[in-house]
Protein backbone atom coordinates (compact mmCIF):
# COMPACT_ATOMS: atom_id res chain seq x y z
CA MET A 1 -19.50 -5.11 -2.13
CA PRO A 2 -17.16 -5.92 0.87
CA ASP A 3 -18.81 -9.55 0.44
CA ALA A 4 -16.86 -9.93 -2.80
CA ILE A 5 -13.66 -10.05 -0.98
CA THR A 6 -13.47 -13.56 -0.04
CA ARG A 7 -10.74 -16.02 0.25
CA SER A 8 -12.01 -17.99 -2.85
CA ALA A 9 -11.86 -14.86 -4.89
CA ILE A 10 -8.46 -13.82 -3.75
CA GLU A 11 -7.28 -17.38 -4.46
CA ALA A 12 -8.57 -17.19 -7.88
CA THR A 13 -6.74 -13.67 -8.34
CA ALA A 14 -3.56 -15.06 -7.16
CA HIS A 15 -3.58 -17.54 -9.69
CA LYS A 16 -4.53 -15.12 -12.44
CA ILE A 17 -1.69 -12.57 -11.31
CA ALA A 18 1.10 -15.02 -10.66
CA PRO A 19 2.77 -14.89 -14.24
CA TYR A 20 2.93 -10.87 -13.35
CA VAL A 21 3.99 -10.43 -9.83
CA ARG A 22 6.92 -11.64 -7.70
CA ARG A 23 6.79 -13.80 -4.76
CA THR A 24 8.60 -11.24 -2.33
CA PRO A 25 11.02 -12.64 0.29
CA VAL A 26 10.67 -12.68 4.00
CA MET A 27 13.63 -12.09 6.59
CA ASP A 28 13.89 -12.00 10.19
CA VAL A 29 15.42 -9.12 12.27
CA VAL A 30 15.99 -9.01 16.00
CA LEU A 31 14.88 -5.78 17.82
CA PRO A 32 16.09 -4.50 21.16
CA GLY A 33 13.98 -5.94 23.98
CA MET A 34 11.98 -8.42 22.19
CA MET A 35 12.05 -11.93 22.74
CA ARG A 36 11.39 -13.31 19.23
CA PRO A 37 12.68 -12.21 15.85
CA VAL A 38 10.55 -10.09 13.89
CA ALA A 39 9.41 -11.28 10.34
CA LEU A 40 9.75 -8.52 7.45
CA LYS A 41 7.67 -9.24 4.29
CA LEU A 42 9.79 -7.39 1.86
CA GLU A 43 7.08 -6.44 -0.63
CA LEU A 44 9.18 -3.22 -1.45
CA PHE A 45 10.90 -5.82 -3.90
CA GLN A 46 7.60 -6.07 -5.86
CA HIS A 47 7.56 -5.01 -9.53
CA THR A 48 7.57 -0.99 -9.40
CA GLY A 49 8.92 -0.79 -5.85
CA SER A 50 5.58 -1.36 -3.91
CA PHE A 51 2.73 -3.85 -3.35
CA LYS A 52 0.50 -1.87 -5.88
CA ALA A 53 1.39 -4.11 -8.74
CA ARG A 54 -0.84 -6.72 -7.40
CA GLY A 55 -4.04 -4.60 -7.53
CA ALA A 56 -3.01 -3.14 -10.91
CA PHE A 57 -2.52 -6.37 -12.46
CA SER A 58 -5.76 -7.87 -10.96
CA THR A 59 -7.68 -5.02 -12.56
CA VAL A 60 -6.02 -5.30 -15.90
CA ILE A 61 -5.37 -8.83 -16.71
CA GLY A 62 -8.15 -10.97 -18.02
CA ARG A 63 -10.32 -8.47 -19.62
CA ASP A 64 -10.68 -6.86 -23.08
CA LEU A 65 -9.10 -3.45 -22.86
CA PRO A 66 -10.20 -0.22 -24.57
CA LYS A 67 -7.88 1.05 -27.21
CA VAL A 68 -7.60 4.22 -25.31
CA GLY A 69 -6.17 2.26 -22.47
CA ILE A 70 -6.42 2.75 -18.79
CA ALA A 71 -6.58 5.69 -16.48
CA ALA A 72 -5.50 6.04 -12.82
CA ALA A 73 -5.08 8.75 -10.16
CA SER A 74 -2.06 8.40 -7.84
CA GLY A 75 0.07 9.91 -5.36
CA GLY A 76 2.90 8.06 -7.15
CA ASN A 77 3.13 4.47 -6.32
CA HIS A 78 -0.07 3.38 -7.76
CA GLY A 79 0.55 5.37 -10.89
CA ALA A 80 3.75 3.54 -11.54
CA ALA A 81 2.15 0.11 -10.87
CA ALA A 82 -0.89 1.10 -13.14
CA ALA A 83 1.60 2.17 -16.11
CA TYR A 84 3.69 -1.06 -15.71
CA ALA A 85 0.66 -3.19 -15.87
CA ALA A 86 -0.67 -1.27 -19.03
CA HIS A 87 2.88 -1.40 -20.58
CA VAL A 88 2.68 -5.32 -19.96
CA ALA A 89 -0.76 -5.33 -21.57
CA ALA A 90 0.32 -3.16 -24.52
CA VAL A 91 -2.11 -0.61 -24.01
CA PRO A 92 -1.91 3.38 -23.27
CA ALA A 93 -1.77 4.48 -19.46
CA HIS A 94 -2.98 7.89 -18.69
CA ILE A 95 -1.92 8.70 -15.00
CA PHE A 96 -3.11 11.64 -13.02
CA VAL A 97 -0.89 12.77 -10.29
CA PRO A 98 -1.04 15.80 -7.93
CA ALA A 99 1.64 18.52 -7.24
CA ILE A 100 2.77 16.84 -4.21
CA ALA A 101 4.01 13.50 -6.04
CA ALA A 102 7.59 12.69 -5.45
CA PRO A 103 9.72 13.56 -8.43
CA ALA A 104 11.36 10.14 -8.05
CA LYS A 105 7.89 8.45 -8.36
CA VAL A 106 6.79 10.63 -11.35
CA ALA A 107 9.97 9.51 -13.14
CA LYS A 108 9.14 6.10 -12.61
CA ILE A 109 5.60 6.32 -14.08
CA LYS A 110 7.21 8.13 -17.09
CA SER A 111 9.60 5.26 -17.60
CA TYR A 112 6.86 2.80 -18.35
CA GLY A 113 5.32 5.10 -21.22
CA ALA A 114 2.61 6.61 -19.51
CA ILE A 115 1.02 9.69 -20.34
CA ILE A 116 1.12 11.89 -17.41
CA ASP A 117 -1.14 14.76 -16.19
CA GLN A 118 0.23 16.42 -13.18
CA ASP A 119 -2.15 18.95 -11.81
CA GLY A 120 -3.95 19.87 -8.60
CA ALA A 121 -2.75 20.26 -4.89
CA THR A 122 -4.07 16.62 -3.67
CA TYR A 123 -4.84 13.23 -4.74
CA TYR A 124 -8.38 14.09 -4.75
CA ASP A 125 -7.89 16.93 -7.33
CA ALA A 126 -6.03 14.26 -9.55
CA LEU A 127 -8.86 11.69 -8.98
CA GLU A 128 -11.35 14.31 -9.95
CA LYS A 129 -9.63 15.03 -13.35
CA CYS A 130 -9.17 11.27 -14.00
CA THR A 131 -12.90 10.45 -13.39
CA ARG A 132 -13.84 12.96 -15.81
CA PHE A 133 -11.24 11.45 -18.21
CA ILE A 134 -12.75 8.04 -17.84
CA ALA A 135 -16.33 9.30 -18.47
CA GLU A 136 -15.23 11.15 -21.66
CA THR A 137 -13.14 8.32 -23.16
CA GLY A 138 -14.11 4.97 -21.90
CA ALA A 139 -10.82 4.37 -20.30
CA LEU A 140 -10.60 1.34 -17.80
CA SER A 141 -10.54 2.78 -14.30
CA VAL A 142 -7.64 1.29 -12.34
CA HIS A 143 -8.51 2.73 -8.57
CA ALA A 144 -5.79 3.01 -6.23
CA TYR A 145 -7.72 1.48 -3.32
CA ASP A 146 -11.48 1.35 -3.52
CA ALA A 147 -12.49 -1.18 -6.24
CA VAL A 148 -13.15 -4.95 -5.85
CA PRO A 149 -10.30 -6.00 -8.33
CA THR A 150 -7.73 -3.75 -6.38
CA LEU A 151 -8.72 -5.30 -2.95
CA LEU A 152 -8.56 -8.70 -4.26
CA GLY A 153 -5.00 -8.13 -5.69
CA GLN A 154 -3.83 -6.61 -2.52
CA GLY A 155 -5.38 -9.56 -0.63
CA THR A 156 -2.92 -11.82 -2.34
CA LEU A 157 -0.17 -10.42 -0.40
CA GLY A 158 -2.00 -11.96 2.62
CA ARG A 159 -2.45 -15.22 1.14
CA GLU A 160 1.45 -15.10 0.16
CA ILE A 161 2.31 -14.33 3.86
CA GLN A 162 0.26 -17.22 5.32
CA SER A 163 2.02 -19.54 3.00
CA GLN A 164 5.26 -18.38 3.96
CA LEU A 165 4.71 -17.76 7.67
CA PRO A 166 1.94 -19.70 8.81
CA ASP A 167 2.84 -19.27 12.39
CA ILE A 168 2.44 -15.49 12.71
CA ASP A 169 0.18 -14.10 15.52
CA THR A 170 0.18 -10.48 14.45
CA LEU A 171 0.56 -8.46 11.06
CA LEU A 172 1.43 -4.75 11.11
CA VAL A 173 0.27 -3.04 7.94
CA ALA A 174 0.66 0.72 6.91
CA VAL A 175 -2.75 2.28 5.87
CA GLY A 176 -3.38 4.99 3.47
CA GLY A 177 -6.96 4.59 1.70
CA GLY A 178 -6.80 0.84 3.00
CA GLY A 179 -6.65 -1.23 0.01
CA LEU A 180 -3.84 -3.04 1.33
CA ILE A 181 -4.86 -3.74 4.79
CA GLY A 182 -8.46 -4.32 3.80
CA GLY A 183 -7.41 -7.06 1.10
CA ILE A 184 -5.28 -8.68 3.76
CA ALA A 185 -8.03 -8.55 6.33
CA GLY A 186 -10.35 -10.22 3.60
CA TRP A 187 -7.94 -12.99 3.32
CA TYR A 188 -7.25 -13.64 6.99
CA ARG A 189 -10.69 -13.00 8.29
CA GLY A 190 -9.70 -12.95 11.88
CA ASP A 191 -7.06 -15.77 11.94
CA VAL A 192 -4.54 -13.64 13.04
CA ARG A 193 -4.25 -10.17 14.69
CA ILE A 194 -4.14 -7.31 12.17
CA VAL A 195 -2.91 -3.97 13.28
CA GLY A 196 -2.90 -0.93 11.17
CA VAL A 197 -0.17 1.87 11.54
CA GLU A 198 -0.73 5.34 10.33
CA PRO A 199 1.30 8.51 10.71
CA LEU A 200 -0.29 11.05 13.23
CA THR A 201 -0.77 13.47 10.23
CA CYS A 202 -2.47 10.93 7.84
CA ASN A 203 -4.76 9.34 10.46
CA VAL A 204 -8.01 8.62 8.41
CA LEU A 205 -8.76 4.96 9.33
CA HIS A 206 -8.05 5.60 13.02
CA ALA A 207 -10.30 8.80 13.18
CA SER A 208 -12.87 6.65 11.02
CA LEU A 209 -12.88 3.60 13.30
CA ALA A 210 -13.09 5.95 16.36
CA ALA A 211 -16.12 7.60 14.97
CA GLY A 212 -17.73 4.39 13.96
CA LYS A 213 -18.13 5.81 10.31
CA ARG A 214 -16.10 7.09 7.46
CA VAL A 215 -14.82 10.60 8.14
CA THR A 216 -12.67 13.07 6.18
CA VAL A 217 -9.26 14.21 7.26
CA THR A 218 -6.71 16.62 5.90
CA PRO A 219 -3.34 14.71 5.40
CA SER A 220 0.09 15.97 5.74
CA GLY A 221 3.77 15.03 6.51
CA ILE A 222 6.47 13.00 5.09
CA ALA A 223 4.28 10.02 3.94
CA ALA A 224 1.44 12.15 2.56
CA ASP A 225 2.39 11.03 -1.07
CA SER A 226 1.73 7.36 -0.35
CA LEU A 227 -0.54 7.28 2.98
CA GLY A 228 -2.37 10.61 2.42
CA ALA A 229 -5.86 9.47 1.98
CA SER A 230 -8.37 11.98 3.08
CA PHE A 231 -11.12 9.32 3.49
CA ALA A 232 -10.98 5.55 3.90
CA GLY A 233 -12.31 3.10 1.13
CA GLU A 234 -15.86 2.30 1.11
CA LEU A 235 -15.37 -1.25 0.35
CA MET A 236 -12.69 -1.91 2.80
CA PHE A 237 -14.09 -0.01 5.85
CA PRO A 238 -16.75 -2.85 6.80
CA LEU A 239 -13.74 -5.12 6.53
CA ALA A 240 -11.65 -2.94 8.92
CA GLN A 241 -14.51 -2.59 11.34
CA LYS A 242 -15.00 -6.63 11.51
CA PHE A 243 -11.20 -7.81 11.14
CA ILE A 244 -8.73 -5.19 12.14
CA GLU A 245 -7.79 -5.17 15.86
CA ARG A 246 -6.82 -1.61 16.07
CA VAL A 247 -4.85 1.24 14.44
CA THR A 248 -1.93 2.62 15.94
CA LEU A 249 -0.27 6.07 15.15
CA VAL A 250 3.36 7.12 14.72
CA ALA A 251 5.12 10.49 14.55
CA ASP A 252 7.09 11.56 11.19
CA GLU A 253 10.46 11.68 13.15
CA GLU A 254 9.70 8.19 14.52
CA ILE A 255 9.21 7.07 10.96
CA ARG A 256 12.57 8.74 10.01
CA ILE A 257 14.37 6.81 12.68
CA ALA A 258 12.61 3.48 11.63
CA GLN A 259 14.06 4.19 8.07
CA ARG A 260 17.48 4.73 9.46
CA TRP A 261 17.46 1.40 11.57
CA LEU A 262 16.29 -0.54 8.53
CA TRP A 263 19.17 0.91 6.44
CA ASP A 264 21.63 0.47 9.46
CA HIS A 265 20.87 -3.04 10.46
CA ALA A 266 19.31 -4.63 7.31
CA ARG A 267 20.48 -2.17 4.52
CA ILE A 268 16.94 -1.76 3.40
CA ILE A 269 15.95 1.23 1.57
CA THR A 270 12.41 2.32 2.35
CA GLU A 271 10.19 5.33 1.53
CA PRO A 272 8.47 6.77 4.74
CA GLY A 273 5.37 5.15 4.02
CA GLY A 274 7.05 1.80 3.58
CA ALA A 275 8.66 2.14 6.84
CA THR A 276 5.46 3.10 8.69
CA ALA A 277 4.35 -0.17 9.78
CA PHE A 278 7.73 -1.14 11.18
CA THR A 279 7.85 2.37 13.16
CA ALA A 280 4.99 0.92 15.39
CA LEU A 281 7.42 -1.76 16.67
CA LEU A 282 10.61 0.41 16.82
CA SER A 283 8.80 3.42 18.58
CA GLY A 284 7.03 1.03 21.01
CA ALA A 285 3.47 2.23 19.77
CA TYR A 286 2.96 -1.54 19.33
CA ARG A 287 4.32 -3.70 21.99
CA PRO A 288 4.05 -7.51 21.34
CA GLN A 289 3.77 -10.08 24.14
CA LYS A 290 7.11 -12.00 24.80
CA ASP A 291 6.14 -15.05 22.72
CA GLU A 292 4.08 -13.04 19.97
CA ARG A 293 5.37 -13.90 16.61
CA VAL A 294 4.92 -10.60 14.56
CA CYS A 295 5.28 -9.88 10.93
CA VAL A 296 5.56 -6.36 9.43
CA VAL A 297 4.95 -5.58 5.64
CA LEU A 298 7.53 -3.28 4.28
CA CYS A 299 5.33 -1.96 1.43
CA GLY A 300 7.35 0.48 -0.64
CA SER A 301 10.94 1.66 -1.67
CA ASN A 302 10.27 4.53 -4.02
CA THR A 303 12.38 7.25 -2.79
CA ASP A 304 15.37 9.04 -4.58
CA PRO A 305 18.98 8.62 -3.36
CA LEU A 306 19.28 12.40 -2.41
CA THR A 307 16.29 12.49 -0.31
CA PHE A 308 17.05 8.97 1.34
CA SER A 309 20.89 9.97 1.93
CA LYS A 310 19.48 13.14 4.10
CA VAL A 311 17.36 10.72 6.09
CA ILE A 312 20.03 8.27 6.98
CA SER A 313 22.65 11.04 7.61
CA THR A 314 20.73 12.94 10.23
């Protein structure tokens, strides 16, 4: 169903979810050695601290919801967004998270009144349990990345960026399961250069594009709770093959350096996954041409003060 991810469908979704999501700001920063300022799309200021609210509201709003409510599996950010959307819609939220989920993210999910089931070593253990729950109860599935409403919701971020920054040449986007970059690619459809960025140890889209098919990886590292997909989404993969120029890889230590840079120079707090796309520029993994106008999506800020203080003090 990748044919369902069209500009007209994303446009309709943007109007549907507009009362429920923020139009997040953009700002320019100057990086050493670059001729033009880099635009930062501050999607970390979205409700619940990440872009995930777009896909969650796209799924929940405008339909009859079962009394049992919604169910979602998540490493953390999607669970918070799904719980928040359910809270706004006044239905229960059942969120299944793995043991690796960051405590700060689990606390945020709880703050929206969700019923949490934390079990299993990986996201896919949580997803399996969530899938069984949906089959048994009839709860509405709010998928983290591989569902048409999710992709359409994330695609509204591309639409918003284009309205704010119509002159960009290149867009750098972090990749986990691919819902965000797939939705954005579905909006731009080749009109700008889209570059995915993954940690070296969470490289599922890079590996899949190299193989010409979806492959399985074993994710690990500091961004695994948000970018640690074992396989790329089925719906987004054809969009990636057609509209994403390439995927570049960055190391965990480079991500930490990017987190520190964003704090030192812009006073922006990011989680590792939220800083991953910016890392490609700062590390030199992606080198723009001298006149190239680049936008980087900062997609998440859900970290706790203690963890972040360790990052910026080392």
